[in-house]
Amino acid sequence: MTYLVNRATPDGTGYTGFTAELLPGSVVVNDTQSRDLLDQGWLLCETYNTGSRYFVKPRRNSRFLSAWGTRVTDFEVRQVETTVNSEGVIVAALGEKVSGMPKLYSRLTILSEYDRLITL
């Protein structure tokens, strides 16, 4: 499982707060009935505490997180909107940027896993 978090524990052993699991690319295609968002680099993540889903895309930046003693990358987070496609089917669509949520990040090693999930 691949996780995004918004708060690392001070001892560097893990995380607290908001936690979300990245879902395979096939979930994006299934929920949107299209490869367009997947081809743009968006995946869905699902939160553990509420089951809410968000579209996420790595910024592919690198910053040092002292709590973990390693470098992390940040993620852009967007709402999941519902819309009706041209065939009259309700599908997921890329929504507005999420405001009021602390930024999500993960260790840099997530980028290779992210690239693998995009192809699933």
N, C-alpha and C. Protein backbone atom coordinates (compact mmCIF):
# COMPACT_ATOMS: atom_id res chain seq x y z
N MET A 1 0.84 -1.17 0.00
CA MET A 1 0.00 0.00 0.00
C MET A 1 0.89 1.24 0.00
N THR A 2 0.41 2.27 -0.67
CA THR A 2 1.16 3.51 -0.80
C THR A 2 0.36 4.63 -0.17
N TYR A 3 0.99 5.35 0.78
CA TYR A 3 0.27 6.32 1.58
C TYR A 3 0.75 7.75 1.34
N LEU A 4 -0.18 8.69 1.48
CA LEU A 4 0.12 10.11 1.54
C LEU A 4 -0.29 10.57 2.93
N VAL A 5 0.48 11.48 3.51
CA VAL A 5 0.18 11.95 4.86
C VAL A 5 0.27 13.47 4.92
N ASN A 6 -0.22 14.04 6.02
CA ASN A 6 -0.11 15.48 6.20
C ASN A 6 0.63 15.85 7.48
N ARG A 7 1.09 14.85 8.24
CA ARG A 7 1.81 15.16 9.48
C ARG A 7 2.67 13.97 9.88
N ALA A 8 3.97 14.20 9.97
CA ALA A 8 4.88 13.15 10.39
C ALA A 8 5.03 13.16 11.90
N THR A 9 5.28 12.00 12.48
CA THR A 9 5.53 11.95 13.91
C THR A 9 6.91 12.50 14.19
N PRO A 10 7.08 13.19 15.31
CA PRO A 10 8.38 13.80 15.63
C PRO A 10 9.52 12.80 15.75
N ASP A 11 9.22 11.55 16.13
CA ASP A 11 10.30 10.58 16.27
C ASP A 11 10.72 9.96 14.95
N GLY A 12 10.01 10.32 13.88
CA GLY A 12 10.39 9.84 12.54
C GLY A 12 9.96 8.42 12.23
N THR A 13 9.18 7.80 13.10
CA THR A 13 8.80 6.41 12.86
C THR A 13 7.53 6.27 12.02
N GLY A 14 6.79 7.32 11.82
CA GLY A 14 5.54 7.19 11.07
C GLY A 14 4.85 8.50 10.85
N TYR A 15 3.54 8.49 11.01
CA TYR A 15 2.74 9.67 10.71
C TYR A 15 1.50 9.69 11.57
N THR A 16 0.91 10.87 11.66
CA THR A 16 -0.36 11.03 12.35
C THR A 16 -1.23 11.93 11.48
N GLY A 17 -2.47 12.12 11.85
CA GLY A 17 -3.32 13.04 11.10
C GLY A 17 -3.96 12.38 9.89
N PHE A 18 -4.13 13.14 8.84
CA PHE A 18 -4.78 12.72 7.61
C PHE A 18 -3.91 11.71 6.87
N THR A 19 -4.46 10.55 6.55
CA THR A 19 -3.73 9.52 5.83
C THR A 19 -4.59 9.04 4.67
N ALA A 20 -3.99 8.93 3.49
CA ALA A 20 -4.73 8.48 2.32
C ALA A 20 -3.91 7.45 1.56
N GLU A 21 -4.59 6.47 0.99
CA GLU A 21 -3.94 5.43 0.20
C GLU A 21 -4.13 5.73 -1.27
N LEU A 22 -3.05 5.62 -2.05
CA LEU A 22 -3.15 5.78 -3.50
C LEU A 22 -3.84 4.56 -4.09
N LEU A 23 -4.73 4.79 -5.04
CA LEU A 23 -5.45 3.71 -5.72
C LEU A 23 -4.86 3.50 -7.11
N PRO A 24 -4.96 2.30 -7.67
CA PRO A 24 -4.41 2.03 -9.01
C PRO A 24 -5.09 2.88 -10.08
N GLY A 25 -4.38 3.09 -11.18
CA GLY A 25 -4.90 3.89 -12.29
C GLY A 25 -6.20 3.36 -12.86
N SER A 26 -6.42 2.05 -12.77
CA SER A 26 -7.66 1.47 -13.30
C SER A 26 -8.89 2.05 -12.59
N VAL A 27 -8.74 2.48 -11.34
CA VAL A 27 -9.86 3.08 -10.61
C VAL A 27 -10.23 4.42 -11.24
N VAL A 28 -9.24 5.20 -11.65
CA VAL A 28 -9.51 6.48 -12.33
C VAL A 28 -10.28 6.23 -13.62
N VAL A 29 -9.80 5.28 -14.41
CA VAL A 29 -10.46 4.97 -15.69
C VAL A 29 -11.88 4.48 -15.45
N ASN A 30 -12.07 3.64 -14.46
CA ASN A 30 -13.40 3.13 -14.15
C ASN A 30 -14.34 4.24 -13.67
N ASP A 31 -13.86 5.10 -12.78
CA ASP A 31 -14.71 6.15 -12.20
C ASP A 31 -14.99 7.29 -13.17
N THR A 32 -14.06 7.56 -14.09
CA THR A 32 -14.24 8.68 -15.03
C THR A 32 -14.71 8.21 -16.41
N GLN A 33 -14.63 6.90 -16.66
CA GLN A 33 -14.97 6.33 -17.97
C GLN A 33 -14.10 6.92 -19.08
N SER A 34 -12.85 7.27 -18.73
CA SER A 34 -11.92 7.89 -19.68
C SER A 34 -10.50 7.75 -19.14
N ARG A 35 -9.52 7.82 -20.04
CA ARG A 35 -8.11 7.81 -19.64
C ARG A 35 -7.54 9.22 -19.56
N ASP A 36 -8.33 10.23 -19.85
CA ASP A 36 -7.80 11.59 -19.94
C ASP A 36 -7.08 12.05 -18.68
N LEU A 37 -7.71 11.93 -17.52
CA LEU A 37 -7.07 12.39 -16.27
C LEU A 37 -5.87 11.52 -15.92
N LEU A 38 -5.97 10.24 -16.17
CA LEU A 38 -4.85 9.34 -15.92
C LEU A 38 -3.66 9.73 -16.80
N ASP A 39 -3.92 10.02 -18.05
CA ASP A 39 -2.85 10.44 -18.97
C ASP A 39 -2.22 11.77 -18.56
N GLN A 40 -2.95 12.59 -17.81
CA GLN A 40 -2.42 13.86 -17.30
C GLN A 40 -1.68 13.67 -15.98
N GLY A 41 -1.65 12.43 -15.46
CA GLY A 41 -0.90 12.13 -14.25
C GLY A 41 -1.69 12.10 -12.96
N TRP A 42 -3.02 12.14 -13.03
CA TRP A 42 -3.86 12.14 -11.83
C TRP A 42 -4.19 10.71 -11.41
N LEU A 43 -4.10 10.46 -10.10
CA LEU A 43 -4.60 9.23 -9.50
C LEU A 43 -5.61 9.61 -8.43
N LEU A 44 -6.37 8.64 -7.98
CA LEU A 44 -7.27 8.84 -6.86
C LEU A 44 -6.62 8.32 -5.59
N CYS A 45 -6.89 8.99 -4.48
CA CYS A 45 -6.50 8.47 -3.18
C CYS A 45 -7.76 8.40 -2.33
N GLU A 46 -7.74 7.51 -1.36
CA GLU A 46 -8.89 7.33 -0.48
C GLU A 46 -8.44 7.47 0.97
N THR A 47 -9.17 8.28 1.73
CA THR A 47 -8.79 8.50 3.13
C THR A 47 -9.27 7.34 3.99
N TYR A 48 -8.52 7.08 5.04
CA TYR A 48 -8.88 5.98 5.95
C TYR A 48 -10.00 6.36 6.90
N ASN A 49 -10.00 7.59 7.38
CA ASN A 49 -10.97 7.94 8.41
C ASN A 49 -12.38 8.17 7.85
N THR A 50 -12.51 8.66 6.61
CA THR A 50 -13.84 8.95 6.08
C THR A 50 -14.19 8.18 4.80
N GLY A 51 -13.18 7.61 4.14
CA GLY A 51 -13.43 6.95 2.86
C GLY A 51 -13.59 7.92 1.71
N SER A 52 -13.36 9.21 1.96
CA SER A 52 -13.45 10.22 0.91
C SER A 52 -12.36 10.00 -0.12
N ARG A 53 -12.66 10.38 -1.35
CA ARG A 53 -11.66 10.26 -2.42
C ARG A 53 -11.29 11.64 -2.93
N TYR A 54 -10.03 11.77 -3.32
CA TYR A 54 -9.48 12.99 -3.91
C TYR A 54 -8.61 12.61 -5.09
N PHE A 55 -8.56 13.50 -6.08
CA PHE A 55 -7.57 13.34 -7.15
C PHE A 55 -6.26 13.93 -6.65
N VAL A 56 -5.16 13.23 -6.90
CA VAL A 56 -3.84 13.71 -6.49
C VAL A 56 -2.84 13.54 -7.62
N LYS A 57 -1.85 14.44 -7.62
CA LYS A 57 -0.77 14.37 -8.60
C LYS A 57 0.50 14.88 -7.92
N PRO A 58 1.61 14.15 -8.04
CA PRO A 58 2.84 14.61 -7.38
C PRO A 58 3.38 15.86 -8.03
N ARG A 59 3.92 16.74 -7.21
CA ARG A 59 4.57 17.94 -7.74
C ARG A 59 5.99 17.63 -8.17
N ARG A 60 6.49 16.47 -7.76
CA ARG A 60 7.85 15.99 -8.08
C ARG A 60 8.93 16.96 -7.61
N ASN A 61 8.60 17.66 -6.53
CA ASN A 61 9.60 18.50 -5.87
C ASN A 61 10.34 17.65 -4.85
N SER A 62 11.29 18.25 -4.20
CA SER A 62 12.04 17.54 -3.18
C SER A 62 12.35 18.52 -2.05
N ARG A 63 11.92 18.16 -0.83
CA ARG A 63 12.25 18.98 0.33
C ARG A 63 12.60 18.06 1.48
N PHE A 64 13.43 18.55 2.38
CA PHE A 64 13.87 17.74 3.51
C PHE A 64 12.84 17.82 4.63
N LEU A 65 12.42 16.68 5.17
CA LEU A 65 11.50 16.61 6.29
C LEU A 65 12.29 16.10 7.49
N SER A 66 12.59 16.99 8.41
CA SER A 66 13.46 16.63 9.54
C SER A 66 12.86 15.54 10.42
N ALA A 67 11.53 15.47 10.56
CA ALA A 67 10.91 14.44 11.40
C ALA A 67 11.23 13.04 10.89
N TRP A 68 11.38 12.89 9.58
CA TRP A 68 11.71 11.59 9.01
C TRP A 68 13.19 11.47 8.66
N GLY A 69 13.89 12.60 8.63
CA GLY A 69 15.31 12.58 8.27
C GLY A 69 15.54 12.19 6.83
N THR A 70 14.59 12.53 5.96
CA THR A 70 14.70 12.18 4.55
C THR A 70 13.98 13.22 3.70
N ARG A 71 14.11 13.08 2.41
CA ARG A 71 13.46 14.00 1.48
C ARG A 71 12.06 13.48 1.13
N VAL A 72 11.12 14.43 0.94
CA VAL A 72 9.74 14.09 0.59
C VAL A 72 9.33 14.89 -0.64
N THR A 73 8.23 14.48 -1.25
CA THR A 73 7.62 15.22 -2.35
C THR A 73 6.19 15.55 -1.97
N ASP A 74 5.71 16.70 -2.44
CA ASP A 74 4.35 17.17 -2.15
C ASP A 74 3.40 16.78 -3.28
N PHE A 75 2.11 16.76 -2.96
CA PHE A 75 1.09 16.39 -3.93
C PHE A 75 0.07 17.50 -4.09
N GLU A 76 -0.36 17.72 -5.32
CA GLU A 76 -1.49 18.59 -5.59
C GLU A 76 -2.75 17.78 -5.31
N VAL A 77 -3.74 18.39 -4.66
CA VAL A 77 -4.95 17.68 -4.26
C VAL A 77 -6.17 18.42 -4.80
N ARG A 78 -7.05 17.69 -5.48
CA ARG A 78 -8.28 18.25 -6.04
C ARG A 78 -9.48 17.46 -5.59
N GLN A 79 -10.62 18.13 -5.50
CA GLN A 79 -11.89 17.49 -5.18
C GLN A 79 -12.29 16.54 -6.31
N VAL A 80 -13.12 15.58 -5.99
CA VAL A 80 -13.75 14.72 -6.99
C VAL A 80 -15.16 15.26 -7.19
N GLU A 81 -15.46 15.72 -8.38
CA GLU A 81 -16.80 16.21 -8.72
C GLU A 81 -17.55 15.10 -9.44
N THR A 82 -18.85 15.17 -9.43
CA THR A 82 -19.64 14.24 -10.24
C THR A 82 -20.27 15.01 -11.38
N THR A 83 -20.31 14.38 -12.52
CA THR A 83 -20.87 15.00 -13.71
C THR A 83 -21.52 13.92 -14.56
N VAL A 84 -22.22 14.32 -15.59
CA VAL A 84 -22.86 13.38 -16.50
C VAL A 84 -22.13 13.46 -17.84
N ASN A 85 -21.66 12.31 -18.35
CA ASN A 85 -20.95 12.32 -19.63
C ASN A 85 -21.94 12.37 -20.80
N SER A 86 -21.41 12.34 -22.00
CA SER A 86 -22.24 12.49 -23.21
C SER A 86 -23.22 11.34 -23.40
N GLU A 87 -22.97 10.21 -22.74
CA GLU A 87 -23.89 9.07 -22.85
C GLU A 87 -24.91 9.03 -21.71
N GLY A 88 -24.91 10.08 -20.86
CA GLY A 88 -25.85 10.15 -19.76
C GLY A 88 -25.45 9.38 -18.53
N VAL A 89 -24.19 8.98 -18.44
CA VAL A 89 -23.69 8.22 -17.30
C VAL A 89 -23.04 9.17 -16.30
N ILE A 90 -23.33 9.00 -15.01
CA ILE A 90 -22.71 9.80 -13.97
C ILE A 90 -21.28 9.29 -13.75
N VAL A 91 -20.32 10.21 -13.86
CA VAL A 91 -18.91 9.86 -13.73
C VAL A 91 -18.20 10.86 -12.83
N ALA A 92 -17.00 10.49 -12.40
CA ALA A 92 -16.16 11.38 -11.60
C ALA A 92 -15.43 12.35 -12.53
N ALA A 93 -15.19 13.55 -12.04
CA ALA A 93 -14.46 14.57 -12.81
C ALA A 93 -13.54 15.33 -11.87
N LEU A 94 -12.51 15.95 -12.43
CA LEU A 94 -11.56 16.72 -11.65
C LEU A 94 -12.22 17.99 -11.15
N GLY A 95 -12.19 18.18 -9.83
CA GLY A 95 -12.83 19.33 -9.22
C GLY A 95 -11.83 20.42 -8.85
N GLU A 96 -12.27 21.29 -7.96
CA GLU A 96 -11.46 22.43 -7.52
C GLU A 96 -10.32 21.97 -6.61
N LYS A 97 -9.31 22.83 -6.53
CA LYS A 97 -8.21 22.58 -5.61
C LYS A 97 -8.77 22.58 -4.19
N VAL A 98 -8.33 21.61 -3.38
CA VAL A 98 -8.81 21.49 -2.01
C VAL A 98 -8.19 22.60 -1.18
N SER A 99 -9.05 23.36 -0.50
CA SER A 99 -8.53 24.42 0.38
C SER A 99 -8.78 24.01 1.82
N GLY A 100 -7.96 24.51 2.71
CA GLY A 100 -8.13 24.23 4.12
C GLY A 100 -7.56 22.90 4.58
N MET A 101 -7.01 22.12 3.66
CA MET A 101 -6.40 20.84 4.01
C MET A 101 -4.89 21.04 4.02
N PRO A 102 -4.21 20.59 5.06
CA PRO A 102 -2.74 20.67 5.03
C PRO A 102 -2.20 19.89 3.85
N LYS A 103 -1.05 20.31 3.34
CA LYS A 103 -0.53 19.65 2.15
C LYS A 103 -0.20 18.19 2.42
N LEU A 104 -0.40 17.37 1.40
CA LEU A 104 -0.09 15.95 1.48
C LEU A 104 1.30 15.71 0.91
N TYR A 105 2.03 14.79 1.51
CA TYR A 105 3.36 14.48 1.03
C TYR A 105 3.68 13.02 1.34
N SER A 106 4.79 12.56 0.76
CA SER A 106 5.28 11.22 1.04
C SER A 106 6.77 11.19 0.72
N ARG A 107 7.43 10.13 1.14
CA ARG A 107 8.85 9.98 0.83
C ARG A 107 9.06 9.98 -0.68
N LEU A 108 10.23 10.42 -1.12
CA LEU A 108 10.53 10.48 -2.55
C LEU A 108 10.40 9.12 -3.22
N THR A 109 10.61 8.06 -2.48
CA THR A 109 10.51 6.72 -3.06
C THR A 109 9.11 6.43 -3.59
N ILE A 110 8.13 7.23 -3.18
CA ILE A 110 6.76 7.01 -3.67
C ILE A 110 6.65 7.25 -5.18
N LEU A 111 7.54 8.05 -5.74
CA LEU A 111 7.41 8.39 -7.15
C LEU A 111 7.50 7.17 -8.06
N SER A 112 8.35 6.23 -7.76
CA SER A 112 8.42 5.02 -8.59
C SER A 112 7.15 4.19 -8.43
N GLU A 113 6.61 4.13 -7.21
CA GLU A 113 5.35 3.41 -6.99
C GLU A 113 4.20 4.14 -7.68
N TYR A 114 4.21 5.46 -7.64
CA TYR A 114 3.18 6.26 -8.31
C TYR A 114 3.18 5.96 -9.81
N ASP A 115 4.37 5.96 -10.40
CA ASP A 115 4.49 5.67 -11.84
C ASP A 115 4.00 4.26 -12.16
N ARG A 116 4.21 3.31 -11.24
CA ARG A 116 3.71 1.95 -11.45
C ARG A 116 2.18 1.93 -11.37
N LEU A 117 1.59 2.64 -10.40
CA LEU A 117 0.14 2.65 -10.25
C LEU A 117 -0.56 3.30 -11.44
N ILE A 118 0.09 4.27 -12.07
CA ILE A 118 -0.48 4.93 -13.25
C ILE A 118 -0.71 3.92 -14.36
N THR A 119 0.13 2.90 -14.45
CA THR A 119 0.03 1.93 -15.55
C THR A 119 -0.93 0.79 -15.27
N LEU A 120 -1.45 0.70 -14.03
CA LEU A 120 -2.37 -0.39 -13.69
C LEU A 120 -3.78 -0.11 -14.17
